[in-house]
Amino acid sequence: MFSPRKCGQNTQLRLGYLSVAGYICPPMNLNIQLALLLGAATLCSSRGAAQGNGTDYGGPEGLDIYEDLVHDGTENIAAVWDVNDSLRFIPGYELYRNWNTDVLFDRMHANRVGRDTLELRLAYEDCDHSMPCPGDLTSGFGMRRGRMHYGVDLDLDTGDPVVSAFAGMVRISKFNSSFGNVVVVRHFNGLETLYAHMSERKVEPGTLVEAGDTLGLGGNTGRSYGSHLHFEVRFLDQPIDPALVFDLSNSTLKAKTFDVHDRIFSDLVAQQGVGGKSSARKYHIVRKGDTLFGITRKSGIRMKDICRLNGIMETSILSIGQRLRIN
């Protein structure tokens, strides 16, 4: 598992640098890394064969265990990538069990935070974090004009650099009709941060970044009225108020650790039930022992209606902490 950088430490291994044929390779796209790994393995195999007979190096003479994988250069690279590689190279993979480079956030199928408190390490030293941009807060987290605003808006000028809040790996870099040019970075502790409305993106999925590395340039793309940065913090696809993590007025962390617990998200559900169109909606947070049948009896809502509202089936397995709309 990756861990946050400690200032002054050698970060090559933590960030996924690869030693290929005696050289240290800088961070790069995962597919390129894997191709280099296989190429290095093939090179080492051929070197071994040149130094003696094949039986001295683990097999009969002429046997190349990589031949079927690399005979055309790229065709079967994915065939040797397994969950252990994902756990090693992809930040937070042990929590998410996926690496989706297309969908921004999948709240319907997100893993849920249990009742136990999970302490996340945000930083060891000041150099382990950075505010995405130095601008003032122009709009906070919460209900806004009858809709939920899942992040904060920070003032900037078009062309200003937007930087990564923490070290991690870029999961999303694309244009979205609402967010415009948007980048999502997954960090080593499982947090994800989103940077939206940029005029230009400077990174691609799979890029490894440090805190303070440029992700793009500020702008006014997507559903935006004036140049600004829309900045979100999420854990397991669930939104967290960035003001709980950052002291936005001083561009610092509130603490070097952050406690994640179900109350953070329960408070969000309560907030969504205040004002506007959301005031009529009611939600049930699944707890230990809950069943879909039991929830329908308590709420008085037909099972087929609950399934339709939440996009699930009557046979679906519920997760503790899952939010179900019940009206």
C-alpha atoms as a PDB file:
ATOM      1  CA  MET A   1       0.000   0.000   0.000  1.00  0.00           C
ATOM      2  CA  PHE A   2       1.229   3.508  -0.762  1.00  0.00           C
ATOM      3  CA  SER A   3       1.749   5.958   2.082  1.00  0.00           C
ATOM      4  CA  PRO A   4       2.088   9.744   2.174  1.00  0.00           C
ATOM      5  CA  ARG A   5       5.544  11.190   1.547  1.00  0.00           C
ATOM      6  CA  LYS A   6       7.714  12.154   4.479  1.00  0.00           C
ATOM      7  CA  CYS A   7       9.729  15.242   3.534  1.00  0.00           C
ATOM      8  CA  GLY A   8      13.295  14.393   2.678  1.00  0.00           C
ATOM      9  CA  GLN A   9      12.663  10.689   2.136  1.00  0.00           C
ATOM     10  CA  ASN A  10      13.506   8.917  -1.101  1.00  0.00           C
ATOM     11  CA  THR A  11      10.086   8.710  -2.757  1.00  0.00           C
ATOM     12  CA  GLN A  12      10.928   6.670  -5.860  1.00  0.00           C
ATOM     13  CA  LEU A  13       9.494   3.364  -4.643  1.00  0.00           C
ATOM     14  CA  ARG A  14       6.488   4.921  -2.933  1.00  0.00           C
ATOM     15  CA  LEU A  15       5.485   6.723  -6.106  1.00  0.00           C
ATOM     16  CA  GLY A  16       5.914   3.729  -8.343  1.00  0.00           C
ATOM     17  CA  TYR A  17       9.251   4.569  -9.957  1.00  0.00           C
ATOM     18  CA  LEU A  18      10.583   1.512 -11.731  1.00  0.00           C
ATOM     19  CA  SER A  19      14.150   0.318 -11.968  1.00  0.00           C
ATOM     20  CA  VAL A  20      14.482  -0.964 -15.515  1.00  0.00           C
ATOM     21  CA  ALA A  21      17.786  -2.488 -16.648  1.00  0.00           C
ATOM     22  CA  GLY A  22      19.639  -0.502 -13.989  1.00  0.00           C
ATOM     23  CA  TYR A  23      17.968   2.868 -14.616  1.00  0.00           C
ATOM     24  CA  ILE A  24      15.423   4.703 -12.487  1.00  0.00           C
ATOM     25  CA  CYS A  25      12.364   5.622 -14.547  1.00  0.00           C
ATOM     26  CA  PRO A  26      10.251   8.651 -13.576  1.00  0.00           C
ATOM     27  CA  PRO A  27       6.495   8.369 -12.907  1.00  0.00           C
ATOM     28  CA  MET A  28       4.466   7.564 -16.008  1.00  0.00           C
ATOM     29  CA  ASN A  29       1.262   5.997 -17.225  1.00  0.00           C
ATOM     30  CA  LEU A  30       0.601   2.570 -15.708  1.00  0.00           C
ATOM     31  CA  ASN A  31       0.377   0.872 -19.103  1.00  0.00           C
ATOM     32  CA  ILE A  32       3.822   2.190 -20.021  1.00  0.00           C
ATOM     33  CA  GLN A  33       5.190   1.087 -16.654  1.00  0.00           C
ATOM     34  CA  LEU A  34       3.889  -2.430 -17.152  1.00  0.00           C
ATOM     35  CA  ALA A  35       5.288  -2.625 -20.665  1.00  0.00           C
ATOM     36  CA  LEU A  36       8.692  -1.580 -19.329  1.00  0.00           C
ATOM     37  CA  LEU A  37       8.492  -4.169 -16.569  1.00  0.00           C
ATOM     38  CA  LEU A  38       7.841  -6.919 -19.068  1.00  0.00           C
ATOM     39  CA  GLY A  39      10.514  -5.614 -21.386  1.00  0.00           C
ATOM     40  CA  ALA A  40      13.011  -5.528 -18.534  1.00  0.00           C
ATOM     41  CA  ALA A  41      12.060  -9.040 -17.520  1.00  0.00           C
ATOM     42  CA  THR A  42      12.604 -10.225 -21.081  1.00  0.00           C
ATOM     43  CA  LEU A  43      15.952  -8.413 -21.221  1.00  0.00           C
ATOM     44  CA  CYS A  44      17.068 -10.021 -17.966  1.00  0.00           C
ATOM     45  CA  SER A  45      15.983 -13.424 -19.253  1.00  0.00           C
ATOM     46  CA  SER A  46      18.001 -13.021 -22.440  1.00  0.00           C
ATOM     47  CA  ARG A  47      21.046 -11.818 -20.492  1.00  0.00           C
ATOM     48  CA  GLY A  48      20.833 -14.884 -18.274  1.00  0.00           C
ATOM     49  CA  ALA A  49      20.698 -17.205 -21.262  1.00  0.00           C
ATOM     50  CA  ALA A  50      23.817 -15.598 -22.718  1.00  0.00           C
ATOM     51  CA  GLN A  51      25.835 -16.265 -19.571  1.00  0.00           C
ATOM     52  CA  GLY A  52      25.466 -20.020 -19.456  1.00  0.00           C
ATOM     53  CA  ASN A  53      23.231 -22.956 -20.172  1.00  0.00           C
ATOM     54  CA  GLY A  54      19.518 -22.592 -19.516  1.00  0.00           C
ATOM     55  CA  THR A  55      19.389 -25.010 -16.609  1.00  0.00           C
ATOM     56  CA  ASP A  56      21.615 -22.666 -14.583  1.00  0.00           C
ATOM     57  CA  TYR A  57      18.961 -19.959 -14.830  1.00  0.00           C
ATOM     58  CA  GLY A  58      15.750 -21.754 -13.974  1.00  0.00           C
ATOM     59  CA  GLY A  59      14.778 -23.685 -17.108  1.00  0.00           C
ATOM     60  CA  PRO A  60      15.833 -25.737 -20.093  1.00  0.00           C
ATOM     61  CA  GLU A  61      17.923 -24.077 -22.783  1.00  0.00           C
ATOM     62  CA  GLY A  62      15.906 -21.942 -25.180  1.00  0.00           C
ATOM     63  CA  LEU A  63      12.847 -21.635 -22.903  1.00  0.00           C
ATOM     64  CA  ASP A  64      11.527 -18.080 -22.718  1.00  0.00           C
ATOM     65  CA  ILE A  65       8.580 -17.827 -20.319  1.00  0.00           C
ATOM     66  CA  TYR A  66       7.766 -14.335 -21.621  1.00  0.00           C
ATOM     67  CA  GLU A  67       7.617 -15.323 -25.283  1.00  0.00           C
ATOM     68  CA  ASP A  68       3.852 -15.726 -25.376  1.00  0.00           C
ATOM     69  CA  LEU A  69       3.366 -12.415 -23.587  1.00  0.00           C
ATOM     70  CA  VAL A  70       5.644 -10.103 -25.516  1.00  0.00           C
ATOM     71  CA  HIS A  71       6.030 -11.664 -28.946  1.00  0.00           C
ATOM     72  CA  ASP A  72       4.285  -8.727 -30.606  1.00  0.00           C
ATOM     73  CA  GLY A  73       5.221  -6.067 -28.059  1.00  0.00           C
ATOM     74  CA  THR A  74       1.853  -5.243 -26.501  1.00  0.00           C
ATOM     75  CA  GLU A  75      -0.887  -7.762 -27.256  1.00  0.00           C
ATOM     76  CA  ASN A  76      -1.083  -9.618 -23.947  1.00  0.00           C
ATOM     77  CA  ILE A  77       0.384  -7.177 -21.448  1.00  0.00           C
ATOM     78  CA  ALA A  78      -2.876  -7.116 -19.441  1.00  0.00           C
ATOM     79  CA  ALA A  79      -2.781 -10.904 -19.104  1.00  0.00           C
ATOM     80  CA  VAL A  80      -0.119 -10.759 -16.379  1.00  0.00           C
ATOM     81  CA  TRP A  81      -1.614  -7.864 -14.374  1.00  0.00           C
ATOM     82  CA  ASP A  82      -3.435  -9.168 -11.317  1.00  0.00           C
ATOM     83  CA  VAL A  83      -4.919  -7.819  -8.095  1.00  0.00           C
ATOM     84  CA  ASN A  84      -1.510  -7.819  -6.388  1.00  0.00           C
ATOM     85  CA  ASP A  85      -0.192  -5.429  -9.032  1.00  0.00           C
ATOM     86  CA  SER A  86      -3.223  -3.196  -8.527  1.00  0.00           C
ATOM     87  CA  LEU A  87      -2.668  -3.199  -4.768  1.00  0.00           C
ATOM     88  CA  ARG A  88       0.971  -2.291  -5.278  1.00  0.00           C
ATOM     89  CA  PHE A  89       0.714   0.379  -7.942  1.00  0.00           C
ATOM     90  CA  ILE A  90      -2.759   1.961  -7.561  1.00  0.00           C
ATOM     91  CA  PRO A  91      -3.354   4.189  -4.513  1.00  0.00           C
ATOM     92  CA  GLY A  92      -6.277   3.135  -2.349  1.00  0.00           C
ATOM     93  CA  TYR A  93      -7.038   0.026  -4.386  1.00  0.00           C
ATOM     94  CA  GLU A  94      -7.545  -2.048  -1.235  1.00  0.00           C
ATOM     95  CA  LEU A  95     -10.451   0.278  -0.341  1.00  0.00           C
ATOM     96  CA  TYR A  96     -12.087   0.801  -3.749  1.00  0.00           C
ATOM     97  CA  ARG A  97     -11.314  -2.471  -5.539  1.00  0.00           C
ATOM     98  CA  ASN A  98     -11.572  -0.622  -8.843  1.00  0.00           C
ATOM     99  CA  TRP A  99      -9.811   1.918 -11.050  1.00  0.00           C
ATOM    100  CA  ASN A 100     -12.351   3.653 -13.273  1.00  0.00           C
ATOM    101  CA  THR A 101     -10.874   6.292 -15.581  1.00  0.00           C
ATOM    102  CA  ASP A 102     -14.227   7.369 -17.061  1.00  0.00           C
ATOM    103  CA  VAL A 103     -16.870   7.713 -14.291  1.00  0.00           C
ATOM    104  CA  LEU A 104     -16.241  10.637 -11.954  1.00  0.00           C
ATOM    105  CA  PHE A 105     -17.987   9.173  -8.914  1.00  0.00           C
ATOM    106  CA  ASP A 106     -20.238   6.123  -8.535  1.00  0.00           C
ATOM    107  CA  ARG A 107     -22.295   6.806  -5.428  1.00  0.00           C
ATOM    108  CA  MET A 108     -24.853   4.089  -6.195  1.00  0.00           C
ATOM    109  CA  HIS A 109     -22.241   1.329  -5.929  1.00  0.00           C
ATOM    110  CA  ALA A 110     -19.821   2.998  -3.548  1.00  0.00           C
ATOM    111  CA  ASN A 111     -18.366   1.161  -0.574  1.00  0.00           C
ATOM    112  CA  ARG A 112     -19.879   2.500   2.608  1.00  0.00           C
ATOM    113  CA  VAL A 113     -18.149   3.825   5.701  1.00  0.00           C
ATOM    114  CA  GLY A 114     -19.084   1.801   8.789  1.00  0.00           C
ATOM    115  CA  ARG A 115     -19.736   3.087  12.267  1.00  0.00           C
ATOM    116  CA  ASP A 116     -16.110   2.725  13.300  1.00  0.00           C
ATOM    117  CA  THR A 117     -13.900   5.781  12.923  1.00  0.00           C
ATOM    118  CA  LEU A 118     -11.130   5.516  10.344  1.00  0.00           C
ATOM    119  CA  GLU A 119      -8.155   7.809  10.817  1.00  0.00           C
ATOM    120  CA  LEU A 120      -6.566   8.949   7.562  1.00  0.00           C
ATOM    121  CA  ARG A 121      -3.026  10.279   7.497  1.00  0.00           C
ATOM    122  CA  LEU A 122      -3.041  13.495   5.455  1.00  0.00           C
ATOM    123  CA  ALA A 123       0.541  14.611   5.909  1.00  0.00           C
ATOM    124  CA  TYR A 124       3.711  14.256   7.926  1.00  0.00           C
ATOM    125  CA  GLU A 125       5.220  17.613   7.044  1.00  0.00           C
ATOM    126  CA  ASP A 126       3.989  20.884   5.522  1.00  0.00           C
ATOM    127  CA  CYS A 127       5.370  19.903   2.119  1.00  0.00           C
ATOM    128  CA  ASP A 128       2.966  16.961   1.975  1.00  0.00           C
ATOM    129  CA  HIS A 129      -0.018  19.130   1.052  1.00  0.00           C
ATOM    130  CA  SER A 130      -0.877  22.212  -0.984  1.00  0.00           C
ATOM    131  CA  MET A 131      -3.958  24.311  -1.593  1.00  0.00           C
ATOM    132  CA  PRO A 132      -5.093  23.839  -5.223  1.00  0.00           C
ATOM    133  CA  CYS A 133      -5.022  27.599  -5.735  1.00  0.00           C
ATOM    134  CA  PRO A 134      -4.541  30.592  -3.408  1.00  0.00           C
ATOM    135  CA  GLY A 135      -7.864  32.295  -4.207  1.00  0.00           C
ATOM    136  CA  ASP A 136     -10.556  33.318  -1.751  1.00  0.00           C
ATOM    137  CA  LEU A 137     -13.591  31.156  -1.044  1.00  0.00           C
ATOM    138  CA  THR A 138     -16.512  32.364  -3.169  1.00  0.00           C
ATOM    139  CA  SER A 139     -19.041  29.598  -2.497  1.00  0.00           C
ATOM    140  CA  GLY A 140     -19.078  26.971   0.227  1.00  0.00           C
ATOM    141  CA  PHE A 141     -20.193  23.373   0.587  1.00  0.00           C
ATOM    142  CA  GLY A 142     -23.922  22.737   1.090  1.00  0.00           C
ATOM    143  CA  MET A 143     -27.318  23.651  -0.303  1.00  0.00           C
ATOM    144  CA  ARG A 144     -27.208  26.389  -2.923  1.00  0.00           C
ATOM    145  CA  ARG A 145     -30.246  27.647  -4.825  1.00  0.00           C
ATOM    146  CA  GLY A 146     -32.149  24.469  -4.021  1.00  0.00           C
ATOM    147  CA  ARG A 147     -29.348  22.149  -5.145  1.00  0.00           C
ATOM    148  CA  MET A 148     -26.533  20.474  -3.273  1.00  0.00           C
ATOM    149  CA  HIS A 149     -23.099  21.961  -3.900  1.00  0.00           C
ATOM    150  CA  TYR A 150     -20.672  19.114  -3.161  1.00  0.00           C
ATOM    151  CA  GLY A 151     -17.501  21.191  -3.073  1.00  0.00           C
ATOM    152  CA  VAL A 152     -16.176  24.699  -2.629  1.00  0.00           C
ATOM    153  CA  ASP A 153     -15.481  27.394  -5.226  1.00  0.00           C
ATOM    154  CA  LEU A 154     -12.144  29.200  -5.071  1.00  0.00           C
ATOM    155  CA  ASP A 155     -11.411  32.402  -6.936  1.00  0.00           C
ATOM    156  CA  LEU A 156      -8.744  32.459  -9.636  1.00  0.00           C
ATOM    157  CA  ASP A 157      -7.973  33.972 -13.033  1.00  0.00           C
ATOM    158  CA  THR A 158      -8.023  32.003 -16.270  1.00  0.00           C
ATOM    159  CA  GLY A 159      -4.550  30.581 -16.800  1.00  0.00           C
ATOM    160  CA  ASP A 160      -3.590  30.419 -13.114  1.00  0.00           C
ATOM    161  CA  PRO A 161      -2.005  27.054 -12.185  1.00  0.00           C
ATOM    162  CA  VAL A 162      -4.172  24.509 -10.376  1.00  0.00           C
ATOM    163  CA  VAL A 163      -2.122  22.080  -8.293  1.00  0.00           C
ATOM    164  CA  SER A 164      -2.705  18.752  -6.571  1.00  0.00           C
ATOM    165  CA  ALA A 165      -3.644  18.959  -2.893  1.00  0.00           C
ATOM    166  CA  PHE A 166      -1.747  15.774  -2.001  1.00  0.00           C
ATOM    167  CA  ALA A 167       0.459  13.180  -3.657  1.00  0.00           C
ATOM    168  CA  GLY A 168      -1.413  10.550  -5.636  1.00  0.00           C
ATOM    169  CA  MET A 169      -2.344   9.232  -9.061  1.00  0.00           C
ATOM    170  CA  VAL A 170      -4.603  10.870 -11.633  1.00  0.00           C
ATOM    171  CA  ARG A 171      -7.726   8.751 -12.138  1.00  0.00           C
ATOM    172  CA  ILE A 172      -9.769  11.106 -14.331  1.00  0.00           C
ATOM    173  CA  SER A 173      -8.672  13.717 -16.858  1.00  0.00           C
ATOM    174  CA  LYS A 174     -11.439  14.584 -19.311  1.00  0.00           C
ATOM    175  CA  PHE A 175     -13.993  17.136 -20.450  1.00  0.00           C
ATOM    176  CA  ASN A 176     -17.379  16.940 -18.734  1.00  0.00           C
ATOM    177  CA  SER A 177     -20.463  18.928 -19.730  1.00  0.00           C
ATOM    178  CA  SER A 178     -21.003  20.150 -16.150  1.00  0.00           C
ATOM    179  CA  PHE A 179     -17.470  20.309 -14.763  1.00  0.00           C
ATOM    180  CA  GLY A 180     -15.728  21.337 -17.991  1.00  0.00           C
ATOM    181  CA  ASN A 181     -12.082  20.289 -17.969  1.00  0.00           C
ATOM    182  CA  VAL A 182     -11.915  18.165 -14.835  1.00  0.00           C
ATOM    183  CA  VAL A 183      -9.234  16.131 -13.084  1.00  0.00           C
ATOM    184  CA  VAL A 184      -9.722  13.629 -10.250  1.00  0.00           C
ATOM    185  CA  VAL A 185      -6.712  12.477  -8.224  1.00  0.00           C
ATOM    186  CA  ARG A 186      -6.783   9.444  -5.942  1.00  0.00           C
ATOM    187  CA  HIS A 187      -4.464   9.821  -2.974  1.00  0.00           C
ATOM    188  CA  PHE A 188      -2.529   7.250  -1.005  1.00  0.00           C
ATOM    189  CA  ASN A 189      -4.886   7.354   1.989  1.00  0.00           C
ATOM    190  CA  GLY A 190      -8.009   6.699  -0.136  1.00  0.00           C
ATOM    191  CA  LEU A 191      -9.213  10.292  -0.402  1.00  0.00           C
ATOM    192  CA  GLU A 192      -9.987  11.619  -3.869  1.00  0.00           C
ATOM    193  CA  THR A 193      -9.942  15.273  -4.881  1.00  0.00           C
ATOM    194  CA  LEU A 194     -11.662  16.861  -7.878  1.00  0.00           C
ATOM    195  CA  TYR A 195     -10.599  20.011  -9.770  1.00  0.00           C
ATOM    196  CA  ALA A 196     -13.154  21.427 -12.222  1.00  0.00           C
ATOM    197  CA  HIS A 197     -13.807  24.194 -14.774  1.00  0.00           C
ATOM    198  CA  MET A 198     -10.157  24.394 -15.857  1.00  0.00           C
ATOM    199  CA  SER A 199      -9.190  25.923 -19.187  1.00  0.00           C
ATOM    200  CA  GLU A 200      -6.533  23.286 -19.806  1.00  0.00           C
ATOM    201  CA  ARG A 201      -5.518  19.898 -18.379  1.00  0.00           C
ATOM    202  CA  LYS A 202      -1.834  19.041 -17.995  1.00  0.00           C
ATOM    203  CA  VAL A 203      -2.079  15.397 -16.845  1.00  0.00           C
ATOM    204  CA  GLU A 204      -3.494  12.080 -18.044  1.00  0.00           C
ATOM    205  CA  PRO A 205      -4.979   9.088 -16.175  1.00  0.00           C
ATOM    206  CA  GLY A 206      -2.179   7.125 -14.561  1.00  0.00           C
ATOM    207  CA  THR A 207       0.060  10.159 -14.010  1.00  0.00           C
ATOM    208  CA  LEU A 208       1.709  10.149 -10.593  1.00  0.00           C
ATOM    209  CA  VAL A 209       1.779  13.548  -8.904  1.00  0.00           C
ATOM    210  CA  GLU A 210       3.186  15.120  -5.768  1.00  0.00           C
ATOM    211  CA  ALA A 211       1.476  17.735  -3.622  1.00  0.00           C
ATOM    212  CA  GLY A 212       1.844  21.033  -5.472  1.00  0.00           C
ATOM    213  CA  ASP A 213       2.291  19.517  -8.942  1.00  0.00           C
ATOM    214  CA  THR A 214       0.354  21.335 -11.668  1.00  0.00           C
ATOM    215  CA  LEU A 215      -2.765  19.518 -12.873  1.00  0.00           C
ATOM    216  CA  GLY A 216      -4.050  22.210 -15.208  1.00  0.00           C
ATOM    217  CA  LEU A 217      -4.834  25.880 -15.646  1.00  0.00           C
ATOM    218  CA  GLY A 218      -7.755  27.758 -14.158  1.00  0.00           C
ATOM    219  CA  GLY A 219     -10.688  28.613 -16.366  1.00  0.00           C
ATOM    220  CA  ASN A 220     -14.408  28.920 -16.913  1.00  0.00           C
ATOM    221  CA  THR A 221     -15.388  25.732 -18.790  1.00  0.00           C
ATOM    222  CA  GLY A 222     -18.495  23.616 -18.339  1.00  0.00           C
ATOM    223  CA  ARG A 223     -21.438  24.907 -16.327  1.00  0.00           C
ATOM    224  CA  SER A 224     -19.623  27.894 -14.900  1.00  0.00           C
ATOM    225  CA  TYR A 225     -20.214  31.628 -14.645  1.00  0.00           C
ATOM    226  CA  GLY A 226     -16.858  33.305 -14.282  1.00  0.00           C
ATOM    227  CA  SER A 227     -13.372  31.905 -13.760  1.00  0.00           C
ATOM    228  CA  HIS A 228     -13.055  29.843 -10.598  1.00  0.00           C
ATOM    229  CA  LEU A 229     -11.977  26.432  -9.347  1.00  0.00           C
ATOM    230  CA  HIS A 230     -14.598  23.992  -8.124  1.00  0.00           C
ATOM    231  CA  PHE A 231     -12.769  21.768  -5.605  1.00  0.00           C
ATOM    232  CA  GLU A 232     -14.149  18.598  -4.011  1.00  0.00           C
ATOM    233  CA  VAL A 233     -12.898  16.091  -1.452  1.00  0.00           C
ATOM    234  CA  ARG A 234     -14.392  12.587  -1.417  1.00  0.00           C
ATOM    235  CA  PHE A 235     -13.868   9.263   0.292  1.00  0.00           C
ATOM    236  CA  LEU A 236     -15.244   6.067  -1.240  1.00  0.00           C
ATOM    237  CA  ASP A 237     -17.167   8.287  -3.698  1.00  0.00           C
ATOM    238  CA  GLN A 238     -18.945  10.133  -0.858  1.00  0.00           C
ATOM    239  CA  PRO A 239     -18.503  13.950  -0.629  1.00  0.00           C
ATOM    240  CA  ILE A 240     -16.778  15.578   2.341  1.00  0.00           C
ATOM    241  CA  ASP A 241     -16.822  19.313   3.034  1.00  0.00           C
ATOM    242  CA  PRO A 242     -13.296  20.507   2.128  1.00  0.00           C
ATOM    243  CA  ALA A 243     -13.568  22.986   5.015  1.00  0.00           C
ATOM    244  CA  LEU A 244     -13.403  19.999   7.394  1.00  0.00           C
ATOM    245  CA  VAL A 245     -10.003  19.109   5.965  1.00  0.00           C
ATOM    246  CA  PHE A 246      -8.532  22.511   5.078  1.00  0.00           C
ATOM    247  CA  ASP A 247      -8.442  25.869   6.799  1.00  0.00           C
ATOM    248  CA  LEU A 248      -9.496  27.588   3.587  1.00  0.00           C
ATOM    249  CA  SER A 249      -8.757  31.100   4.830  1.00  0.00           C
ATOM    250  CA  ASN A 250      -5.122  30.256   5.641  1.00  0.00           C
ATOM    251  CA  SER A 251      -4.487  27.617   2.949  1.00  0.00           C
ATOM    252  CA  THR A 252      -3.385  25.067   5.543  1.00  0.00           C
ATOM    253  CA  LEU A 253      -4.550  21.697   6.829  1.00  0.00           C
ATOM    254  CA  LYS A 254      -6.647  21.735   9.964  1.00  0.00           C
ATOM    255  CA  ALA A 255      -4.696  18.698  11.172  1.00  0.00           C
ATOM    256  CA  LYS A 256      -2.271  16.151   9.780  1.00  0.00           C
ATOM    257  CA  THR A 257      -4.879  13.406  10.233  1.00  0.00           C
ATOM    258  CA  PHE A 258      -8.581  13.275   9.428  1.00  0.00           C
ATOM    259  CA  ASP A 259     -11.215  11.042  11.026  1.00  0.00           C
ATOM    260  CA  VAL A 260     -13.770   9.512   8.664  1.00  0.00           C
ATOM    261  CA  HIS A 261     -16.989   8.187  10.185  1.00  0.00           C
ATOM    262  CA  ASP A 262     -20.598   7.713   9.149  1.00  0.00           C
ATOM    263  CA  ARG A 263     -21.736  10.880  10.953  1.00  0.00           C
ATOM    264  CA  ILE A 264     -19.997  13.004   8.327  1.00  0.00           C
ATOM    265  CA  PHE A 265     -22.250  11.548   5.656  1.00  0.00           C
ATOM    266  CA  SER A 266     -25.354  11.395   7.881  1.00  0.00           C
ATOM    267  CA  ASP A 267     -24.998  15.144   8.430  1.00  0.00           C
ATOM    268  CA  LEU A 268     -24.830  15.572   4.664  1.00  0.00           C
ATOM    269  CA  VAL A 269     -28.095  13.676   4.221  1.00  0.00           C
ATOM    270  CA  ALA A 270     -29.747  15.890   6.828  1.00  0.00           C
ATOM    271  CA  GLN A 271     -28.442  18.982   5.064  1.00  0.00           C
ATOM    272  CA  GLN A 272     -29.892  17.788   1.787  1.00  0.00           C
ATOM    273  CA  GLY A 273     -33.296  17.637   3.421  1.00  0.00           C
ATOM    274  CA  VAL A 274     -33.364  21.400   4.085  1.00  0.00           C
ATOM    275  CA  GLY A 275     -35.025  23.757   1.605  1.00  0.00           C
ATOM    276  CA  GLY A 276     -35.705  23.654  -2.119  1.00  0.00           C
ATOM    277  CA  LYS A 277     -36.742  20.575  -4.021  1.00  0.00           C
ATOM    278  CA  SER A 278     -34.812  18.333  -1.639  1.00  0.00           C
ATOM    279  CA  SER A 279     -37.023  19.225   1.353  1.00  0.00           C
ATOM    280  CA  ALA A 280     -39.659  16.654   0.356  1.00  0.00           C
ATOM    281  CA  ARG A 281     -37.206  13.806  -0.012  1.00  0.00           C
ATOM    282  CA  LYS A 282     -36.621  11.306   2.773  1.00  0.00           C
ATOM    283  CA  TYR A 283     -33.774   8.835   3.088  1.00  0.00           C
ATOM    284  CA  HIS A 284     -33.054   5.776   5.168  1.00  0.00           C
ATOM    285  CA  ILE A 285     -29.459   4.948   6.160  1.00  0.00           C
ATOM    286  CA  VAL A 286     -29.015   1.179   6.177  1.00  0.00           C
ATOM    287  CA  ARG A 287     -27.885  -0.197   9.533  1.00  0.00           C
ATOM    288  CA  LYS A 288     -26.832  -3.626  10.731  1.00  0.00           C
ATOM    289  CA  GLY A 289     -29.740  -6.076  10.507  1.00  0.00           C
ATOM    290  CA  ASP A 290     -31.799  -3.990   8.051  1.00  0.00           C
ATOM    291  CA  THR A 291     -33.525  -5.779   5.197  1.00  0.00           C
ATOM    292  CA  LEU A 292     -35.315  -4.333   2.207  1.00  0.00           C
ATOM    293  CA  PHE A 293     -38.541  -5.926   3.392  1.00  0.00           C
ATOM    294  CA  GLY A 294     -38.140  -4.442   6.872  1.00  0.00           C
ATOM    295  CA  ILE A 295     -37.449  -0.979   5.462  1.00  0.00           C
ATOM    296  CA  THR A 296     -40.595  -1.131   3.322  1.00  0.00           C
ATOM    297  CA  ARG A 297     -42.691  -2.033   6.372  1.00  0.00           C
ATOM    298  CA  LYS A 298     -41.269   0.799   8.471  1.00  0.00           C
ATOM    299  CA  SER A 299     -41.555   3.401   5.737  1.00  0.00           C
ATOM    300  CA  GLY A 300     -44.898   2.292   4.338  1.00  0.00           C
ATOM    301  CA  ILE A 301     -43.452   2.436   0.828  1.00  0.00           C
ATOM    302  CA  ARG A 302     -43.931  -0.434  -1.602  1.00  0.00           C
ATOM    303  CA  MET A 303     -40.810  -2.451  -2.269  1.00  0.00           C
ATOM    304  CA  LYS A 304     -41.032  -1.934  -6.026  1.00  0.00           C
ATOM    305  CA  ASP A 305     -41.168   1.841  -5.479  1.00  0.00           C
ATOM    306  CA  ILE A 306     -38.069   1.813  -3.270  1.00  0.00           C
ATOM    307  CA  CYS A 307     -36.283  -0.292  -5.878  1.00  0.00           C
ATOM    308  CA  ARG A 308     -37.299   2.123  -8.652  1.00  0.00           C
ATOM    309  CA  LEU A 309     -36.211   5.210  -6.695  1.00  0.00           C
ATOM    310  CA  ASN A 310     -32.801   3.725  -5.881  1.00  0.00           C
ATOM    311  CA  GLY A 311     -32.064   1.750  -9.029  1.00  0.00           C
ATOM    312  CA  ILE A 312     -31.843  -1.573  -7.207  1.00  0.00           C
ATOM    313  CA  MET A 313     -33.580  -4.954  -7.397  1.00  0.00           C
ATOM    314  CA  GLU A 314     -35.631  -6.764  -4.746  1.00  0.00           C
ATOM    315  CA  THR A 315     -32.788  -9.280  -4.483  1.00  0.00           C
ATOM    316  CA  SER A 316     -30.089  -6.621  -4.079  1.00  0.00           C
ATOM    317  CA  ILE A 317     -27.785  -6.959  -1.063  1.00  0.00           C
ATOM    318  CA  LEU A 318     -27.790  -3.846   1.126  1.00  0.00           C
ATOM    319  CA  SER A 319     -24.601  -2.378   2.592  1.00  0.00           C
ATOM    320  CA  ILE A 320     -24.306  -0.840   6.036  1.00  0.00           C
ATOM    321  CA  GLY A 321     -24.291   2.941   5.624  1.00  0.00           C
ATOM    322  CA  GLN A 322     -26.052   2.784   2.238  1.00  0.00           C
ATOM    323  CA  ARG A 323     -28.505   5.625   1.653  1.00  0.00           C
ATOM    324  CA  LEU A 324     -31.934   4.661   0.307  1.00  0.00           C
ATOM    325  CA  ARG A 325     -34.497   7.189  -0.848  1.00  0.00           C
ATOM    326  CA  ILE A 326     -37.892   6.232   0.580  1.00  0.00           C
ATOM    327  CA  ASN A 327     -40.293   8.717  -1.020  1.00  0.00           C
END
